Amino acid sequence: MNALLELVSDTAASAIWAMVVASLLPLAMALTAKAIGGFNLADNAHPRDFLQGTTGAAARANAAQQNSYETLPIFLAAVLTAMLFFVPQSIINILAWLYVLIRIGFCVAYITNLATFRSILWVLSIACCLMLFYLAIRVSI
């Protein structure tokens, strides 16, 4: 576990990169949904109609995309709030990258239809955000 934690740098750039990766995750899920669903150039005229008509893994990838957009503002606000209130950067970085890794696992669980595991991962990802807010509150007191 210590080796994993040592991979995360102590600079603010690490948290910013985590925010970039988290922001690109919905796009990756949209591309995955399109690839699984057989998207072609003709479908580009109405891509949302195409995605709404998908089933199975493609529909679940699209749902993972939508859920990623729903939780992204909470994550971004949590990281920025923690940085604003001078929570130790190493803790912010660890929680930010943990969120990203959990969300990637969430997307995989969603696509592979592991509903209970997906729900557990969702809770854990939100817990990372709540912990960042909590730490910001504790530092501000």
N, C-alpha and C. Protein backbone atom coordinates (compact mmCIF):
# COMPACT_ATOMS: atom_id res chain seq x y z
N MET A 1 0.82 -1.20 0.00
CA MET A 1 0.00 0.00 0.00
C MET A 1 0.87 1.26 0.00
N ASN A 2 1.97 1.24 0.78
CA ASN A 2 2.86 2.39 0.81
C ASN A 2 3.46 2.68 -0.55
N ALA A 3 3.78 1.64 -1.30
CA ALA A 3 4.34 1.82 -2.64
C ALA A 3 3.34 2.54 -3.53
N LEU A 4 2.06 2.19 -3.38
CA LEU A 4 1.02 2.85 -4.17
C LEU A 4 0.91 4.32 -3.79
N LEU A 5 0.95 4.60 -2.51
CA LEU A 5 0.84 5.99 -2.05
C LEU A 5 2.04 6.82 -2.48
N GLU A 6 3.20 6.19 -2.62
CA GLU A 6 4.39 6.90 -3.04
C GLU A 6 4.31 7.32 -4.51
N LEU A 7 3.44 6.70 -5.29
CA LEU A 7 3.28 7.07 -6.69
C LEU A 7 2.60 8.42 -6.85
N VAL A 8 1.85 8.84 -5.82
CA VAL A 8 1.13 10.11 -5.87
C VAL A 8 2.05 11.21 -5.35
N SER A 9 2.30 12.20 -6.17
CA SER A 9 3.21 13.28 -5.76
C SER A 9 2.54 14.19 -4.74
N ASP A 10 3.32 15.05 -4.12
CA ASP A 10 2.80 15.97 -3.12
C ASP A 10 2.50 17.35 -3.69
N THR A 11 2.52 17.50 -4.99
CA THR A 11 2.28 18.81 -5.59
C THR A 11 0.81 18.96 -5.97
N ALA A 12 0.38 20.20 -6.08
CA ALA A 12 -1.00 20.48 -6.48
C ALA A 12 -1.28 19.98 -7.89
N ALA A 13 -0.25 19.86 -8.70
CA ALA A 13 -0.43 19.37 -10.06
C ALA A 13 -1.05 17.98 -10.08
N SER A 14 -0.73 17.17 -9.09
CA SER A 14 -1.28 15.82 -9.02
C SER A 14 -2.80 15.85 -8.88
N ALA A 15 -3.31 16.70 -8.00
CA ALA A 15 -4.76 16.83 -7.84
C ALA A 15 -5.40 17.40 -9.09
N ILE A 16 -4.71 18.33 -9.72
CA ILE A 16 -5.24 18.92 -10.96
C ILE A 16 -5.32 17.85 -12.05
N TRP A 17 -4.29 17.01 -12.16
CA TRP A 17 -4.34 15.92 -13.13
C TRP A 17 -5.47 14.95 -12.81
N ALA A 18 -5.71 14.70 -11.54
CA ALA A 18 -6.83 13.83 -11.16
C ALA A 18 -8.15 14.45 -11.61
N MET A 19 -8.28 15.77 -11.49
CA MET A 19 -9.49 16.44 -11.95
C MET A 19 -9.63 16.35 -13.47
N VAL A 20 -8.51 16.46 -14.18
CA VAL A 20 -8.55 16.33 -15.64
C VAL A 20 -9.00 14.93 -16.04
N VAL A 21 -8.41 13.92 -15.42
CA VAL A 21 -8.77 12.53 -15.75
C VAL A 21 -10.24 12.28 -15.43
N ALA A 22 -10.69 12.74 -14.27
CA ALA A 22 -12.10 12.56 -13.90
C ALA A 22 -13.02 13.28 -14.88
N SER A 23 -12.59 14.43 -15.37
CA SER A 23 -13.39 15.19 -16.33
C SER A 23 -13.47 14.50 -17.69
N LEU A 24 -12.45 13.72 -18.03
CA LEU A 24 -12.44 13.01 -19.31
C LEU A 24 -13.12 11.65 -19.24
N LEU A 25 -13.38 11.17 -18.04
CA LEU A 25 -14.01 9.86 -17.88
C LEU A 25 -15.39 9.76 -18.55
N PRO A 26 -16.26 10.78 -18.44
CA PRO A 26 -17.54 10.68 -19.16
C PRO A 26 -17.35 10.56 -20.67
N LEU A 27 -16.38 11.27 -21.22
CA LEU A 27 -16.10 11.17 -22.66
C LEU A 27 -15.66 9.75 -23.01
N ALA A 28 -14.80 9.18 -22.18
CA ALA A 28 -14.34 7.81 -22.43
C ALA A 28 -15.52 6.84 -22.40
N MET A 29 -16.47 7.07 -21.51
CA MET A 29 -17.64 6.18 -21.43
C MET A 29 -18.56 6.38 -22.64
N ALA A 30 -18.67 7.61 -23.13
CA ALA A 30 -19.47 7.85 -24.33
C ALA A 30 -18.85 7.14 -25.53
N LEU A 31 -17.53 7.23 -25.65
CA LEU A 31 -16.85 6.55 -26.75
C LEU A 31 -16.98 5.03 -26.62
N THR A 32 -16.91 4.54 -25.39
CA THR A 32 -17.09 3.10 -25.15
C THR A 32 -18.49 2.66 -25.55
N ALA A 33 -19.49 3.44 -25.15
CA ALA A 33 -20.88 3.10 -25.49
C ALA A 33 -21.07 3.07 -27.00
N LYS A 34 -20.49 4.03 -27.68
CA LYS A 34 -20.61 4.08 -29.13
C LYS A 34 -19.89 2.91 -29.79
N ALA A 35 -18.71 2.59 -29.29
CA ALA A 35 -17.94 1.47 -29.86
C ALA A 35 -18.68 0.15 -29.67
N ILE A 36 -19.18 -0.08 -28.46
CA ILE A 36 -19.89 -1.34 -28.18
C ILE A 36 -21.19 -1.40 -28.98
N GLY A 37 -21.85 -0.24 -29.12
CA GLY A 37 -23.16 -0.21 -29.80
C GLY A 37 -23.09 -0.21 -31.30
N GLY A 38 -21.90 -0.13 -31.90
CA GLY A 38 -21.78 -0.15 -33.35
C GLY A 38 -22.01 1.19 -34.01
N PHE A 39 -21.67 2.26 -33.34
CA PHE A 39 -21.81 3.61 -33.86
C PHE A 39 -21.03 3.76 -35.17
N ASN A 40 -21.64 4.42 -36.15
CA ASN A 40 -20.93 4.73 -37.39
C ASN A 40 -21.17 6.19 -37.75
N LEU A 41 -20.51 6.67 -38.78
CA LEU A 41 -20.58 8.09 -39.12
C LEU A 41 -22.00 8.57 -39.41
N ALA A 42 -22.83 7.72 -39.95
CA ALA A 42 -24.21 8.12 -40.23
C ALA A 42 -24.96 8.43 -38.93
N ASP A 43 -24.57 7.77 -37.84
CA ASP A 43 -25.22 8.01 -36.55
C ASP A 43 -24.82 9.34 -35.93
N ASN A 44 -23.79 9.97 -36.48
CA ASN A 44 -23.29 11.22 -35.91
C ASN A 44 -24.28 12.37 -36.09
N ALA A 45 -25.24 12.24 -36.98
CA ALA A 45 -26.25 13.28 -37.16
C ALA A 45 -27.11 13.42 -35.91
N HIS A 46 -27.35 12.31 -35.22
CA HIS A 46 -28.16 12.31 -34.00
C HIS A 46 -27.55 11.32 -33.00
N PRO A 47 -26.39 11.64 -32.45
CA PRO A 47 -25.70 10.69 -31.56
C PRO A 47 -26.48 10.36 -30.29
N ARG A 48 -27.25 11.30 -29.78
CA ARG A 48 -28.01 11.02 -28.56
C ARG A 48 -29.14 10.03 -28.85
N ASP A 49 -29.75 10.17 -30.02
CA ASP A 49 -30.78 9.19 -30.40
C ASP A 49 -30.17 7.81 -30.52
N PHE A 50 -28.97 7.73 -31.09
CA PHE A 50 -28.29 6.45 -31.21
C PHE A 50 -28.06 5.84 -29.82
N LEU A 51 -27.53 6.64 -28.90
CA LEU A 51 -27.22 6.13 -27.56
C LEU A 51 -28.47 5.73 -26.81
N GLN A 52 -29.57 6.46 -27.00
CA GLN A 52 -30.82 6.10 -26.33
C GLN A 52 -31.39 4.79 -26.85
N GLY A 53 -31.03 4.45 -28.08
CA GLY A 53 -31.52 3.21 -28.67
C GLY A 53 -30.66 1.99 -28.40
N THR A 54 -29.55 2.18 -27.70
CA THR A 54 -28.67 1.04 -27.43
C THR A 54 -29.22 0.17 -26.31
N THR A 55 -28.73 -1.05 -26.27
CA THR A 55 -29.13 -2.00 -25.23
C THR A 55 -27.88 -2.68 -24.67
N GLY A 56 -28.06 -3.43 -23.62
CA GLY A 56 -26.97 -4.22 -23.06
C GLY A 56 -25.81 -3.38 -22.57
N ALA A 57 -24.60 -3.85 -22.86
CA ALA A 57 -23.38 -3.19 -22.38
C ALA A 57 -23.26 -1.76 -22.91
N ALA A 58 -23.70 -1.52 -24.13
CA ALA A 58 -23.62 -0.16 -24.69
C ALA A 58 -24.53 0.79 -23.91
N ALA A 59 -25.72 0.35 -23.56
CA ALA A 59 -26.64 1.17 -22.77
C ALA A 59 -26.08 1.41 -21.37
N ARG A 60 -25.44 0.39 -20.81
CA ARG A 60 -24.85 0.55 -19.48
C ARG A 60 -23.65 1.49 -19.52
N ALA A 61 -22.86 1.45 -20.59
CA ALA A 61 -21.74 2.39 -20.74
C ALA A 61 -22.26 3.82 -20.85
N ASN A 62 -23.37 3.99 -21.56
CA ASN A 62 -23.98 5.31 -21.66
C ASN A 62 -24.50 5.76 -20.30
N ALA A 63 -25.07 4.86 -19.53
CA ALA A 63 -25.53 5.19 -18.18
C ALA A 63 -24.34 5.55 -17.28
N ALA A 64 -23.22 4.86 -17.45
CA ALA A 64 -22.01 5.18 -16.68
C ALA A 64 -21.52 6.58 -17.05
N GLN A 65 -21.65 6.93 -18.33
CA GLN A 65 -21.29 8.28 -18.77
C GLN A 65 -22.15 9.32 -18.05
N GLN A 66 -23.46 9.09 -18.04
CA GLN A 66 -24.37 10.04 -17.40
C GLN A 66 -24.10 10.16 -15.91
N ASN A 67 -23.86 9.03 -15.25
CA ASN A 67 -23.58 9.07 -13.82
C ASN A 67 -22.26 9.79 -13.55
N SER A 68 -21.28 9.63 -14.45
CA SER A 68 -20.01 10.32 -14.28
C SER A 68 -20.19 11.83 -14.34
N TYR A 69 -21.07 12.28 -15.22
CA TYR A 69 -21.36 13.71 -15.27
C TYR A 69 -22.07 14.18 -14.01
N GLU A 70 -22.91 13.33 -13.44
CA GLU A 70 -23.67 13.71 -12.25
C GLU A 70 -22.79 13.89 -11.02
N THR A 71 -21.75 13.07 -10.88
CA THR A 71 -20.90 13.15 -9.69
C THR A 71 -19.69 14.06 -9.87
N LEU A 72 -19.37 14.39 -11.10
CA LEU A 72 -18.18 15.20 -11.37
C LEU A 72 -18.18 16.55 -10.66
N PRO A 73 -19.28 17.32 -10.66
CA PRO A 73 -19.24 18.63 -9.98
C PRO A 73 -18.94 18.51 -8.48
N ILE A 74 -19.45 17.47 -7.84
CA ILE A 74 -19.19 17.27 -6.42
C ILE A 74 -17.70 17.04 -6.20
N PHE A 75 -17.11 16.20 -7.04
CA PHE A 75 -15.68 15.91 -6.92
C PHE A 75 -14.84 17.16 -7.14
N LEU A 76 -15.12 17.89 -8.22
CA LEU A 76 -14.34 19.08 -8.52
C LEU A 76 -14.46 20.11 -7.40
N ALA A 77 -15.66 20.31 -6.90
CA ALA A 77 -15.86 21.26 -5.80
C ALA A 77 -15.13 20.80 -4.55
N ALA A 78 -15.15 19.51 -4.27
CA ALA A 78 -14.49 18.98 -3.07
C ALA A 78 -12.98 19.19 -3.13
N VAL A 79 -12.39 18.89 -4.28
CA VAL A 79 -10.94 19.07 -4.42
C VAL A 79 -10.57 20.54 -4.30
N LEU A 80 -11.29 21.39 -5.00
CA LEU A 80 -10.97 22.82 -4.96
C LEU A 80 -11.19 23.41 -3.56
N THR A 81 -12.24 22.98 -2.89
CA THR A 81 -12.49 23.46 -1.52
C THR A 81 -11.37 23.03 -0.59
N ALA A 82 -10.97 21.77 -0.70
CA ALA A 82 -9.87 21.28 0.15
C ALA A 82 -8.59 22.06 -0.12
N MET A 83 -8.33 22.37 -1.38
CA MET A 83 -7.13 23.14 -1.72
C MET A 83 -7.24 24.57 -1.18
N LEU A 84 -8.41 25.15 -1.29
CA LEU A 84 -8.64 26.52 -0.84
C LEU A 84 -8.41 26.66 0.67
N PHE A 85 -8.79 25.63 1.42
CA PHE A 85 -8.66 25.67 2.87
C PHE A 85 -7.37 25.02 3.38
N PHE A 86 -6.45 24.76 2.47
CA PHE A 86 -5.11 24.28 2.82
C PHE A 86 -5.11 22.95 3.56
N VAL A 87 -5.97 22.04 3.13
CA VAL A 87 -5.84 20.65 3.58
C VAL A 87 -4.49 20.18 3.05
N PRO A 88 -3.73 19.40 3.81
CA PRO A 88 -2.44 18.95 3.30
C PRO A 88 -2.55 18.36 1.90
N GLN A 89 -1.70 18.85 1.01
CA GLN A 89 -1.79 18.49 -0.41
C GLN A 89 -1.67 16.99 -0.63
N SER A 90 -0.84 16.31 0.14
CA SER A 90 -0.67 14.87 -0.06
C SER A 90 -1.98 14.13 0.22
N ILE A 91 -2.76 14.59 1.18
CA ILE A 91 -4.05 13.96 1.48
C ILE A 91 -5.04 14.24 0.36
N ILE A 92 -5.06 15.48 -0.12
CA ILE A 92 -5.94 15.83 -1.24
C ILE A 92 -5.62 14.94 -2.44
N ASN A 93 -4.34 14.81 -2.74
CA ASN A 93 -3.92 14.03 -3.90
C ASN A 93 -4.34 12.57 -3.78
N ILE A 94 -4.13 12.00 -2.61
CA ILE A 94 -4.50 10.59 -2.40
C ILE A 94 -6.01 10.40 -2.57
N LEU A 95 -6.80 11.27 -1.95
CA LEU A 95 -8.26 11.14 -2.07
C LEU A 95 -8.74 11.42 -3.49
N ALA A 96 -8.09 12.36 -4.17
CA ALA A 96 -8.48 12.67 -5.55
C ALA A 96 -8.21 11.49 -6.47
N TRP A 97 -7.02 10.91 -6.37
CA TRP A 97 -6.69 9.77 -7.23
C TRP A 97 -7.47 8.53 -6.82
N LEU A 98 -7.77 8.39 -5.54
CA LEU A 98 -8.60 7.27 -5.10
C LEU A 98 -9.99 7.38 -5.72
N TYR A 99 -10.53 8.60 -5.73
CA TYR A 99 -11.82 8.84 -6.38
C TYR A 99 -11.76 8.40 -7.85
N VAL A 100 -10.72 8.84 -8.55
CA VAL A 100 -10.59 8.51 -9.98
C VAL A 100 -10.53 7.00 -10.18
N LEU A 101 -9.71 6.32 -9.39
CA LEU A 101 -9.59 4.86 -9.54
C LEU A 101 -10.90 4.16 -9.22
N ILE A 102 -11.58 4.61 -8.19
CA ILE A 102 -12.88 4.02 -7.84
C ILE A 102 -13.88 4.26 -8.97
N ARG A 103 -13.87 5.46 -9.53
CA ARG A 103 -14.82 5.76 -10.62
C ARG A 103 -14.53 4.92 -11.87
N ILE A 104 -13.27 4.66 -12.14
CA ILE A 104 -12.94 3.77 -13.26
C ILE A 104 -13.49 2.38 -12.97
N GLY A 105 -13.29 1.91 -11.75
CA GLY A 105 -13.86 0.62 -11.36
C GLY A 105 -15.37 0.63 -11.44
N PHE A 106 -15.99 1.74 -11.04
CA PHE A 106 -17.44 1.90 -11.13
C PHE A 106 -17.91 1.72 -12.57
N CYS A 107 -17.21 2.37 -13.51
CA CYS A 107 -17.59 2.28 -14.92
C CYS A 107 -17.46 0.85 -15.44
N VAL A 108 -16.39 0.19 -15.07
CA VAL A 108 -16.21 -1.21 -15.48
C VAL A 108 -17.32 -2.08 -14.88
N ALA A 109 -17.62 -1.87 -13.61
CA ALA A 109 -18.69 -2.63 -12.96
C ALA A 109 -20.04 -2.35 -13.62
N TYR A 110 -20.26 -1.11 -14.02
CA TYR A 110 -21.52 -0.76 -14.68
C TYR A 110 -21.64 -1.48 -16.02
N ILE A 111 -20.59 -1.42 -16.81
CA ILE A 111 -20.63 -2.03 -18.15
C ILE A 111 -20.79 -3.54 -18.05
N THR A 112 -20.14 -4.15 -17.06
CA THR A 112 -20.21 -5.62 -16.92
C THR A 112 -21.40 -6.07 -16.09
N ASN A 113 -22.26 -5.13 -15.71
CA ASN A 113 -23.53 -5.42 -15.04
C ASN A 113 -23.36 -6.03 -13.64
N LEU A 114 -22.41 -5.51 -12.89
CA LEU A 114 -22.20 -5.92 -11.50
C LEU A 114 -22.86 -4.86 -10.61
N ALA A 115 -24.18 -4.93 -10.51
CA ALA A 115 -24.97 -3.85 -9.90
C ALA A 115 -24.61 -3.58 -8.44
N THR A 116 -24.49 -4.61 -7.62
CA THR A 116 -24.20 -4.39 -6.20
C THR A 116 -22.80 -3.82 -6.02
N PHE A 117 -21.84 -4.38 -6.72
CA PHE A 117 -20.46 -3.88 -6.65
C PHE A 117 -20.39 -2.45 -7.14
N ARG A 118 -21.12 -2.15 -8.20
CA ARG A 118 -21.17 -0.79 -8.74
C ARG A 118 -21.70 0.18 -7.69
N SER A 119 -22.73 -0.21 -6.97
CA SER A 119 -23.30 0.66 -5.94
C SER A 119 -22.31 0.90 -4.80
N ILE A 120 -21.59 -0.14 -4.43
CA ILE A 120 -20.57 0.00 -3.38
C ILE A 120 -19.50 0.99 -3.84
N LEU A 121 -19.07 0.86 -5.09
CA LEU A 121 -18.06 1.77 -5.62
C LEU A 121 -18.58 3.20 -5.69
N TRP A 122 -19.85 3.36 -6.02
CA TRP A 122 -20.43 4.71 -6.06
C TRP A 122 -20.35 5.34 -4.67
N VAL A 123 -20.73 4.59 -3.65
CA VAL A 123 -20.70 5.10 -2.28
C VAL A 123 -19.26 5.46 -1.89
N LEU A 124 -18.31 4.61 -2.24
CA LEU A 124 -16.91 4.89 -1.91
C LEU A 124 -16.41 6.15 -2.62
N SER A 125 -16.82 6.35 -3.86
CA SER A 125 -16.36 7.54 -4.59
C SER A 125 -16.94 8.81 -3.96
N ILE A 126 -18.19 8.75 -3.55
CA ILE A 126 -18.80 9.91 -2.89
C ILE A 126 -18.16 10.12 -1.52
N ALA A 127 -17.78 9.03 -0.86
CA ALA A 127 -17.10 9.15 0.44
C ALA A 127 -15.78 9.91 0.30
N CYS A 128 -15.07 9.71 -0.80
CA CYS A 128 -13.83 10.47 -1.04
C CYS A 128 -14.14 11.97 -1.08
N CYS A 129 -15.20 12.33 -1.78
CA CYS A 129 -15.59 13.74 -1.89
C CYS A 129 -15.99 14.29 -0.52
N LEU A 130 -16.81 13.53 0.19
CA LEU A 130 -17.26 13.99 1.50
C LEU A 130 -16.09 14.13 2.47
N MET A 131 -15.11 13.25 2.36
CA MET A 131 -13.93 13.34 3.22
C MET A 131 -13.15 14.62 2.92
N LEU A 132 -13.04 14.98 1.65
CA LEU A 132 -12.36 16.22 1.30
C LEU A 132 -13.09 17.43 1.89
N PHE A 133 -14.42 17.43 1.79
CA PHE A 133 -15.19 18.52 2.40
C PHE A 133 -15.01 18.54 3.91
N TYR A 134 -15.08 17.36 4.53
CA TYR A 134 -14.91 17.25 5.98
C TYR A 134 -13.55 17.79 6.41
N LEU A 135 -12.50 17.41 5.71
CA LEU A 135 -11.16 17.87 6.06
C LEU A 135 -11.05 19.40 5.90
N ALA A 136 -11.68 19.94 4.89
CA ALA A 136 -11.67 21.40 4.69
C ALA A 136 -12.38 22.08 5.86
N ILE A 137 -13.48 21.49 6.31
CA ILE A 137 -14.20 22.06 7.45
C ILE A 137 -13.32 21.99 8.70
N ARG A 138 -12.69 20.85 8.93
CA ARG A 138 -11.84 20.68 10.12
C ARG A 138 -10.67 21.68 10.12
N VAL A 139 -10.07 21.91 8.96
CA VAL A 139 -8.95 22.84 8.88
C VAL A 139 -9.41 24.27 9.10
N SER A 140 -10.65 24.58 8.70
CA SER A 140 -11.13 25.96 8.78
C SER A 140 -11.57 26.37 10.18
N ILE A 141 -11.72 25.41 11.06
CA ILE A 141 -12.21 25.71 12.43
C ILE A 141 -11.09 26.30 13.27
